Amino acid sequence: MSSKYEKEIIIEDKTEEQKNQELMDTILQTKKVINDANLNFEYAEGKLIDYFLYTMKAEQAKLDYLISKAKSIGISVEMGEYLNLKNV
């Protein structure tokens, strides 16, 4: 049995601009996941209520971390959202 392995892109190979853009993209994607989970929670029944609550809590913790990471390197989240929308 043989497997083909491909080299993954190493984070150190990315420029600071690419890393910052990826961080902003992840923040925006996480906000979308939270919003989607919140909308689904409103119509959830039974055990799905627990699932959407857990998803929102986990994604909020992730978002808090990402925002603090962005602030620590001097990126304003509002500025990042504007730049990301501008690039679309």
PDB file of N, CA and C in Angstrom:
ATOM      1  N   MET A   1       0.849  -1.163   0.000  1.00  0.00           N
ATOM      2  CA  MET A   1       0.000   0.000   0.000  1.00  0.00           C
ATOM      3  C   MET A   1       0.899   1.232   0.000  1.00  0.00           C
ATOM      4  N   SER A   2       0.755   2.053  -1.012  1.00  0.00           N
ATOM      5  CA  SER A   2       1.584   3.252  -1.081  1.00  0.00           C
ATOM      6  C   SER A   2       0.708   4.490  -0.952  1.00  0.00           C
ATOM      7  N   SER A   3       1.285   5.500  -0.353  1.00  0.00           N
ATOM      8  CA  SER A   3       0.571   6.760  -0.186  1.00  0.00           C
ATOM      9  C   SER A   3       1.391   7.885  -0.784  1.00  0.00           C
ATOM     10  N   LYS A   4       0.696   8.836  -1.321  1.00  0.00           N
ATOM     11  CA  LYS A   4       1.366   9.988  -1.897  1.00  0.00           C
ATOM     12  C   LYS A   4       1.264  11.132  -0.891  1.00  0.00           C
ATOM     13  N   TYR A   5       2.397  11.703  -0.553  1.00  0.00           N
ATOM     14  CA  TYR A   5       2.424  12.805   0.391  1.00  0.00           C
ATOM     15  C   TYR A   5       2.802  14.078  -0.342  1.00  0.00           C
ATOM     16  N   GLU A   6       2.075  15.130  -0.048  1.00  0.00           N
ATOM     17  CA  GLU A   6       2.380  16.422  -0.637  1.00  0.00           C
ATOM     18  C   GLU A   6       2.818  17.369   0.464  1.00  0.00           C
ATOM     19  N   LYS A   7       3.725  18.243   0.114  1.00  0.00           N
ATOM     20  CA  LYS A   7       4.206  19.220   1.086  1.00  0.00           C
ATOM     21  C   LYS A   7       3.121  20.264   1.337  1.00  0.00           C
ATOM     22  N   GLU A   8       2.860  20.490   2.591  1.00  0.00           N
ATOM     23  CA  GLU A   8       1.915  21.532   2.951  1.00  0.00           C
ATOM     24  C   GLU A   8       2.650  22.863   2.984  1.00  0.00           C
ATOM     25  N   ILE A   9       1.902  23.951   2.810  1.00  0.00           N
ATOM     26  CA  ILE A   9       2.510  25.267   2.888  1.00  0.00           C
ATOM     27  C   ILE A   9       2.818  25.555   4.350  1.00  0.00           C
ATOM     28  N   ILE A  10       4.062  25.840   4.623  1.00  0.00           N
ATOM     29  CA  ILE A  10       4.481  26.132   5.986  1.00  0.00           C
ATOM     30  C   ILE A  10       4.185  27.596   6.275  1.00  0.00           C
ATOM     31  N   ILE A  11       3.694  27.854   7.466  1.00  0.00           N
ATOM     32  CA  ILE A  11       3.300  29.214   7.824  1.00  0.00           C
ATOM     33  C   ILE A  11       4.467  30.188   7.719  1.00  0.00           C
ATOM     34  N   GLU A  12       5.685  29.743   8.006  1.00  0.00           N
ATOM     35  CA  GLU A  12       6.839  30.634   7.943  1.00  0.00           C
ATOM     36  C   GLU A  12       7.127  31.103   6.515  1.00  0.00           C
ATOM     37  N   ASP A  13       6.619  30.399   5.514  1.00  0.00           N
ATOM     38  CA  ASP A  13       6.834  30.787   4.131  1.00  0.00           C
ATOM     39  C   ASP A  13       5.930  31.937   3.700  1.00  0.00           C
ATOM     40  N   LYS A  14       4.981  32.317   4.527  1.00  0.00           N
ATOM     41  CA  LYS A  14       4.047  33.375   4.182  1.00  0.00           C
ATOM     42  C   LYS A  14       4.596  34.726   4.620  1.00  0.00           C
ATOM     43  N   THR A  15       4.238  35.751   3.881  1.00  0.00           N
ATOM     44  CA  THR A  15       4.638  37.103   4.260  1.00  0.00           C
ATOM     45  C   THR A  15       3.755  37.582   5.411  1.00  0.00           C
ATOM     46  N   GLU A  16       4.179  38.660   6.062  1.00  0.00           N
ATOM     47  CA  GLU A  16       3.374  39.218   7.149  1.00  0.00           C
ATOM     48  C   GLU A  16       2.008  39.654   6.639  1.00  0.00           C
ATOM     49  N   GLU A  17       1.968  40.212   5.447  1.00  0.00           N
ATOM     50  CA  GLU A  17       0.695  40.644   4.864  1.00  0.00           C
ATOM     51  C   GLU A  17      -0.240  39.458   4.650  1.00  0.00           C
ATOM     52  N   GLN A  18       0.299  38.334   4.169  1.00  0.00           N
ATOM     53  CA  GLN A  18      -0.511  37.132   3.962  1.00  0.00           C
ATOM     54  C   GLN A  18      -1.020  36.583   5.288  1.00  0.00           C
ATOM     55  N   LYS A  19      -0.158  36.590   6.307  1.00  0.00           N
ATOM     56  CA  LYS A  19      -0.573  36.110   7.626  1.00  0.00           C
ATOM     57  C   LYS A  19      -1.684  36.987   8.190  1.00  0.00           C
ATOM     58  N   ASN A  20      -1.534  38.308   8.052  1.00  0.00           N
ATOM     59  CA  ASN A  20      -2.552  39.230   8.560  1.00  0.00           C
ATOM     60  C   ASN A  20      -3.871  39.063   7.822  1.00  0.00           C
ATOM     61  N   GLN A  21      -3.805  38.884   6.505  1.00  0.00           N
ATOM     62  CA  GLN A  21      -5.026  38.692   5.721  1.00  0.00           C
ATOM     63  C   GLN A  21      -5.706  37.379   6.109  1.00  0.00           C
ATOM     64  N   GLU A  22      -4.917  36.348   6.323  1.00  0.00           N
ATOM     65  CA  GLU A  22      -5.472  35.059   6.732  1.00  0.00           C
ATOM     66  C   GLU A  22      -6.135  35.163   8.104  1.00  0.00           C
ATOM     67  N   LEU A  23      -5.522  35.927   9.009  1.00  0.00           N
ATOM     68  CA  LEU A  23      -6.104  36.145  10.334  1.00  0.00           C
ATOM     69  C   LEU A  23      -7.437  36.870  10.216  1.00  0.00           C
ATOM     70  N   MET A  24      -7.494  37.902   9.391  1.00  0.00           N
ATOM     71  CA  MET A  24      -8.743  38.643   9.213  1.00  0.00           C
ATOM     72  C   MET A  24      -9.809  37.767   8.554  1.00  0.00           C
ATOM     73  N   ASP A  25      -9.414  36.970   7.583  1.00  0.00           N
ATOM     74  CA  ASP A  25     -10.368  36.059   6.940  1.00  0.00           C
ATOM     75  C   ASP A  25     -10.943  35.075   7.955  1.00  0.00           C
ATOM     76  N   THR A  26     -10.091  34.569   8.836  1.00  0.00           N
ATOM     77  CA  THR A  26     -10.531  33.626   9.857  1.00  0.00           C
ATOM     78  C   THR A  26     -11.480  34.295  10.843  1.00  0.00           C
ATOM     79  N   ILE A  27     -11.195  35.543  11.212  1.00  0.00           N
ATOM     80  CA  ILE A  27     -12.085  36.288  12.110  1.00  0.00           C
ATOM     81  C   ILE A  27     -13.460  36.454  11.468  1.00  0.00           C
ATOM     82  N   LEU A  28     -13.484  36.862  10.209  1.00  0.00           N
ATOM     83  CA  LEU A  28     -14.761  37.061   9.524  1.00  0.00           C
ATOM     84  C   LEU A  28     -15.524  35.755   9.358  1.00  0.00           C
ATOM     85  N   GLN A  29     -14.806  34.683   9.056  1.00  0.00           N
ATOM     86  CA  GLN A  29     -15.441  33.377   8.900  1.00  0.00           C
ATOM     87  C   GLN A  29     -16.018  32.903  10.242  1.00  0.00           C
ATOM     88  N   THR A  30     -15.290  33.139  11.328  1.00  0.00           N
ATOM     89  CA  THR A  30     -15.760  32.742  12.655  1.00  0.00           C
ATOM     90  C   THR A  30     -17.012  33.523  13.038  1.00  0.00           C
ATOM     91  N   LYS A  31     -17.039  34.827  12.715  1.00  0.00           N
ATOM     92  CA  LYS A  31     -18.237  35.630  12.980  1.00  0.00           C
ATOM     93  C   LYS A  31     -19.432  35.079  12.218  1.00  0.00           C
ATOM     94  N   LYS A  32     -19.208  34.638  10.984  1.00  0.00           N
ATOM     95  CA  LYS A  32     -20.290  34.072  10.179  1.00  0.00           C
ATOM     96  C   LYS A  32     -20.806  32.775  10.802  1.00  0.00           C
ATOM     97  N   VAL A  33     -19.902  31.931  11.274  1.00  0.00           N
ATOM     98  CA  VAL A  33     -20.310  30.666  11.902  1.00  0.00           C
ATOM     99  C   VAL A  33     -21.151  30.945  13.144  1.00  0.00           C
ATOM    100  N   ILE A  34     -20.742  31.938  13.943  1.00  0.00           N
ATOM    101  CA  ILE A  34     -21.508  32.299  15.141  1.00  0.00           C
ATOM    102  C   ILE A  34     -22.893  32.791  14.747  1.00  0.00           C
ATOM    103  N   ASN A  35     -22.947  33.643  13.746  1.00  0.00           N
ATOM    104  CA  ASN A  35     -24.232  34.174  13.293  1.00  0.00           C
ATOM    105  C   ASN A  35     -25.139  33.059  12.772  1.00  0.00           C
ATOM    106  N   ASP A  36     -24.586  32.147  11.976  1.00  0.00           N
ATOM    107  CA  ASP A  36     -25.366  31.023  11.450  1.00  0.00           C
ATOM    108  C   ASP A  36     -25.877  30.128  12.580  1.00  0.00           C
ATOM    109  N   ALA A  37     -25.014  29.857  13.564  1.00  0.00           N
ATOM    110  CA  ALA A  37     -25.426  29.018  14.699  1.00  0.00           C
ATOM    111  C   ALA A  37     -26.529  29.705  15.497  1.00  0.00           C
ATOM    112  N   ASN A  38     -26.424  31.023  15.633  1.00  0.00           N
ATOM    113  CA  ASN A  38     -27.450  31.778  16.357  1.00  0.00           C
ATOM    114  C   ASN A  38     -28.788  31.713  15.630  1.00  0.00           C
ATOM    115  N   LEU A  39     -28.762  31.872  14.314  1.00  0.00           N
ATOM    116  CA  LEU A  39     -30.001  31.774  13.531  1.00  0.00           C
ATOM    117  C   LEU A  39     -30.611  30.379  13.623  1.00  0.00           C
ATOM    118  N   ASN A  40     -29.766  29.349  13.538  1.00  0.00           N
ATOM    119  CA  ASN A  40     -30.258  27.974  13.633  1.00  0.00           C
ATOM    120  C   ASN A  40     -30.780  27.655  15.032  1.00  0.00           C
ATOM    121  N   PHE A  41     -30.141  28.242  16.048  1.00  0.00           N
ATOM    122  CA  PHE A  41     -30.564  28.023  17.425  1.00  0.00           C
ATOM    123  C   PHE A  41     -32.011  28.472  17.634  1.00  0.00           C
ATOM    124  N   GLU A  42     -32.384  29.557  16.975  1.00  0.00           N
ATOM    125  CA  GLU A  42     -33.731  30.090  17.140  1.00  0.00           C
ATOM    126  C   GLU A  42     -34.816  29.095  16.713  1.00  0.00           C
ATOM    127  N   TYR A  43     -34.477  28.200  15.809  1.00  0.00           N
ATOM    128  CA  TYR A  43     -35.459  27.237  15.302  1.00  0.00           C
ATOM    129  C   TYR A  43     -35.155  25.802  15.728  1.00  0.00           C
ATOM    130  N   ALA A  44     -34.143  25.629  16.558  1.00  0.00           N
ATOM    131  CA  ALA A  44     -33.723  24.285  16.963  1.00  0.00           C
ATOM    132  C   ALA A  44     -34.691  23.670  17.953  1.00  0.00           C
ATOM    133  N   GLU A  45     -34.716  22.340  17.926  1.00  0.00           N
ATOM    134  CA  GLU A  45     -35.535  21.580  18.862  1.00  0.00           C
ATOM    135  C   GLU A  45     -34.696  20.458  19.453  1.00  0.00           C
ATOM    136  N   GLY A  46     -35.064  20.036  20.635  1.00  0.00           N
ATOM    137  CA  GLY A  46     -34.424  18.889  21.265  1.00  0.00           C
ATOM    138  C   GLY A  46     -32.934  19.066  21.478  1.00  0.00           C
ATOM    139  N   LYS A  47     -32.184  18.048  21.102  1.00  0.00           N
ATOM    140  CA  LYS A  47     -30.736  18.043  21.334  1.00  0.00           C
ATOM    141  C   LYS A  47     -29.991  19.033  20.454  1.00  0.00           C
ATOM    142  N   LEU A  48     -30.624  19.504  19.392  1.00  0.00           N
ATOM    143  CA  LEU A  48     -29.971  20.500  18.546  1.00  0.00           C
ATOM    144  C   LEU A  48     -29.766  21.820  19.281  1.00  0.00           C
ATOM    145  N   ILE A  49     -30.595  22.090  20.265  1.00  0.00           N
ATOM    146  CA  ILE A  49     -30.426  23.298  21.071  1.00  0.00           C
ATOM    147  C   ILE A  49     -29.057  23.266  21.743  1.00  0.00           C
ATOM    148  N   ASP A  50     -28.723  22.136  22.361  1.00  0.00           N
ATOM    149  CA  ASP A  50     -27.413  21.984  23.009  1.00  0.00           C
ATOM    150  C   ASP A  50     -26.283  22.121  21.999  1.00  0.00           C
ATOM    151  N   TYR A  51     -26.458  21.523  20.831  1.00  0.00           N
ATOM    152  CA  TYR A  51     -25.425  21.582  19.799  1.00  0.00           C
ATOM    153  C   TYR A  51     -25.138  23.019  19.391  1.00  0.00           C
ATOM    154  N   PHE A  52     -26.185  23.801  19.119  1.00  0.00           N
ATOM    155  CA  PHE A  52     -25.971  25.179  18.672  1.00  0.00           C
ATOM    156  C   PHE A  52     -25.434  26.055  19.791  1.00  0.00           C
ATOM    157  N   LEU A  53     -25.855  25.798  21.032  1.00  0.00           N
ATOM    158  CA  LEU A  53     -25.282  26.526  22.164  1.00  0.00           C
ATOM    159  C   LEU A  53     -23.788  26.248  22.288  1.00  0.00           C
ATOM    160  N   TYR A  54     -23.420  24.972  22.188  1.00  0.00           N
ATOM    161  CA  TYR A  54     -22.014  24.590  22.265  1.00  0.00           C
ATOM    162  C   TYR A  54     -21.223  25.227  21.128  1.00  0.00           C
ATOM    163  N   THR A  55     -21.763  25.198  19.917  1.00  0.00           N
ATOM    164  CA  THR A  55     -21.085  25.776  18.763  1.00  0.00           C
ATOM    165  C   THR A  55     -20.856  27.271  18.969  1.00  0.00           C
ATOM    166  N   MET A  56     -21.890  27.976  19.421  1.00  0.00           N
ATOM    167  CA  MET A  56     -21.747  29.422  19.632  1.00  0.00           C
ATOM    168  C   MET A  56     -20.698  29.723  20.702  1.00  0.00           C
ATOM    169  N   LYS A  57     -20.711  28.938  21.792  1.00  0.00           N
ATOM    170  CA  LYS A  57     -19.752  29.174  22.866  1.00  0.00           C
ATOM    171  C   LYS A  57     -18.323  28.880  22.407  1.00  0.00           C
ATOM    172  N   ALA A  58     -18.130  27.786  21.697  1.00  0.00           N
ATOM    173  CA  ALA A  58     -16.799  27.424  21.215  1.00  0.00           C
ATOM    174  C   ALA A  58     -16.283  28.438  20.199  1.00  0.00           C
ATOM    175  N   GLU A  59     -17.141  28.829  19.273  1.00  0.00           N
ATOM    176  CA  GLU A  59     -16.722  29.790  18.248  1.00  0.00           C
ATOM    177  C   GLU A  59     -16.477  31.170  18.851  1.00  0.00           C
ATOM    178  N   GLN A  60     -17.231  31.532  19.900  1.00  0.00           N
ATOM    179  CA  GLN A  60     -17.003  32.818  20.558  1.00  0.00           C
ATOM    180  C   GLN A  60     -15.642  32.827  21.250  1.00  0.00           C
ATOM    181  N   ALA A  61     -15.265  31.714  21.872  1.00  0.00           N
ATOM    182  CA  ALA A  61     -13.943  31.612  22.499  1.00  0.00           C
ATOM    183  C   ALA A  61     -12.852  31.743  21.435  1.00  0.00           C
ATOM    184  N   LYS A  62     -13.061  31.106  20.293  1.00  0.00           N
ATOM    185  CA  LYS A  62     -12.114  31.203  19.176  1.00  0.00           C
ATOM    186  C   LYS A  62     -12.025  32.647  18.692  1.00  0.00           C
ATOM    187  N   LEU A  63     -13.166  33.309  18.542  1.00  0.00           N
ATOM    188  CA  LEU A  63     -13.194  34.686  18.074  1.00  0.00           C
ATOM    189  C   LEU A  63     -12.475  35.612  19.056  1.00  0.00           C
ATOM    190  N   ASP A  64     -12.703  35.429  20.349  1.00  0.00           N
ATOM    191  CA  ASP A  64     -12.026  36.245  21.361  1.00  0.00           C
ATOM    192  C   ASP A  64     -10.513  36.104  21.233  1.00  0.00           C
ATOM    193  N   TYR A  65     -10.038  34.877  21.051  1.00  0.00           N
ATOM    194  CA  TYR A  65      -8.607  34.639  20.884  1.00  0.00           C
ATOM    195  C   TYR A  65      -8.076  35.323  19.622  1.00  0.00           C
ATOM    196  N   LEU A  66      -8.784  35.163  18.511  1.00  0.00           N
ATOM    197  CA  LEU A  66      -8.325  35.734  17.249  1.00  0.00           C
ATOM    198  C   LEU A  66      -8.284  37.261  17.303  1.00  0.00           C
ATOM    199  N   ILE A  67      -9.283  37.863  17.934  1.00  0.00           N
ATOM    200  CA  ILE A  67      -9.315  39.325  18.049  1.00  0.00           C
ATOM    201  C   ILE A  67      -8.167  39.810  18.927  1.00  0.00           C
ATOM    202  N   SER A  68      -7.898  39.111  20.034  1.00  0.00           N
ATOM    203  CA  SER A  68      -6.781  39.526  20.883  1.00  0.00           C
ATOM    204  C   SER A  68      -5.452  39.351  20.152  1.00  0.00           C
ATOM    205  N   LYS A  69      -5.351  38.314  19.335  1.00  0.00           N
ATOM    206  CA  LYS A  69      -4.143  38.099  18.518  1.00  0.00           C
ATOM    207  C   LYS A  69      -3.978  39.248  17.523  1.00  0.00           C
ATOM    208  N   ALA A  70      -5.073  39.634  16.868  1.00  0.00           N
ATOM    209  CA  ALA A  70      -5.025  40.733  15.900  1.00  0.00           C
ATOM    210  C   ALA A  70      -4.628  42.035  16.591  1.00  0.00           C
ATOM    211  N   LYS A  71      -5.205  42.307  17.749  1.00  0.00           N
ATOM    212  CA  LYS A  71      -4.876  43.535  18.475  1.00  0.00           C
ATOM    213  C   LYS A  71      -3.419  43.545  18.919  1.00  0.00           C
ATOM    214  N   SER A  72      -2.906  42.382  19.314  1.00  0.00           N
ATOM    215  CA  SER A  72      -1.524  42.321  19.796  1.00  0.00           C
ATOM    216  C   SER A  72      -0.508  42.612  18.692  1.00  0.00           C
ATOM    217  N   ILE A  73      -0.903  42.386  17.429  1.00  0.00           N
ATOM    218  CA  ILE A  73       0.019  42.703  16.337  1.00  0.00           C
ATOM    219  C   ILE A  73      -0.365  44.001  15.635  1.00  0.00           C
ATOM    220  N   GLY A  74      -1.315  44.724  16.236  1.00  0.00           N
ATOM    221  CA  GLY A  74      -1.645  46.058  15.753  1.00  0.00           C
ATOM    222  C   GLY A  74      -2.661  46.128  14.634  1.00  0.00           C
ATOM    223  N   ILE A  75      -3.482  45.098  14.495  1.00  0.00           N
ATOM    224  CA  ILE A  75      -4.515  45.106  13.459  1.00  0.00           C
ATOM    225  C   ILE A  75      -5.841  45.470  14.113  1.00  0.00           C
ATOM    226  N   SER A  76      -6.511  46.459  13.549  1.00  0.00           N
ATOM    227  CA  SER A  76      -7.841  46.818  14.002  1.00  0.00           C
ATOM    228  C   SER A  76      -8.840  45.927  13.277  1.00  0.00           C
ATOM    229  N   VAL A  77      -9.718  45.297  14.002  1.00  0.00           N
ATOM    230  CA  VAL A  77     -10.697  44.392  13.395  1.00  0.00           C
ATOM    231  C   VAL A  77     -11.604  45.160  12.440  1.00  0.00           C
ATOM    232  N   GLU A  78     -12.020  46.365  12.828  1.00  0.00           N
ATOM    233  CA  GLU A  78     -12.873  47.170  11.959  1.00  0.00           C
ATOM    234  C   GLU A  78     -12.146  47.493  10.656  1.00  0.00           C
ATOM    235  N   MET A  79     -10.862  47.857  10.757  1.00  0.00           N
ATOM    236  CA  MET A  79     -10.064  48.151   9.573  1.00  0.00           C
ATOM    237  C   MET A  79      -9.943  46.902   8.699  1.00  0.00           C
ATOM    238  N   GLY A  80      -9.747  45.770   9.329  1.00  0.00           N
ATOM    239  CA  GLY A  80      -9.627  44.517   8.593  1.00  0.00           C
ATOM    240  C   GLY A  80     -10.898  44.158   7.852  1.00  0.00           C
ATOM    241  N   GLU A  81     -12.042  44.388   8.495  1.00  0.00           N
ATOM    242  CA  GLU A  81     -13.311  44.102   7.827  1.00  0.00           C
ATOM    243  C   GLU A  81     -13.482  45.006   6.615  1.00  0.00           C
ATOM    244  N   TYR A  82     -13.106  46.282   6.755  1.00  0.00           N
ATOM    245  CA  TYR A  82     -13.211  47.216   5.637  1.00  0.00           C
ATOM    246  C   TYR A  82     -12.304  46.773   4.488  1.00  0.00           C
ATOM    247  N   LEU A  83     -11.058  46.414   4.823  1.00  0.00           N
ATOM    248  CA  LEU A  83     -10.122  45.989   3.780  1.00  0.00           C
ATOM    249  C   LEU A  83     -10.587  44.709   3.103  1.00  0.00           C
ATOM    250  N   ASN A  84     -11.128  43.786   3.901  1.00  0.00           N
ATOM    251  CA  ASN A  84     -11.589  42.531   3.331  1.00  0.00           C
ATOM    252  C   ASN A  84     -12.761  42.763   2.393  1.00  0.00           C
ATOM    253  N   LEU A  85     -13.696  43.617   2.769  1.00  0.00           N
ATOM    254  CA  LEU A  85     -14.837  43.918   1.900  1.00  0.00           C
ATOM    255  C   LEU A  85     -14.387  44.654   0.661  1.00  0.00           C
ATOM    256  N   LYS A  86     -13.375  45.490   0.800  1.00  0.00           N
ATOM    257  CA  LYS A  86     -12.849  46.253  -0.326  1.00  0.00           C
ATOM    258  C   LYS A  86     -12.199  45.323  -1.360  1.00  0.00           C
ATOM    259  N   ASN A  87     -11.576  44.250  -0.889  1.00  0.00           N
ATOM    260  CA  ASN A  87     -10.879  43.315  -1.772  1.00  0.00           C
ATOM    261  C   ASN A  87     -11.817  42.365  -2.506  1.00  0.00           C
ATOM    262  N   VAL A  88     -13.079  42.297  -2.076  1.00  0.00           N
ATOM    263  CA  VAL A  88     -14.035  41.344  -2.683  1.00  0.00           C
ATOM    264  C   VAL A  88     -14.437  41.790  -4.053  1.00  0.00           C
TER     265      VAL A  88
END
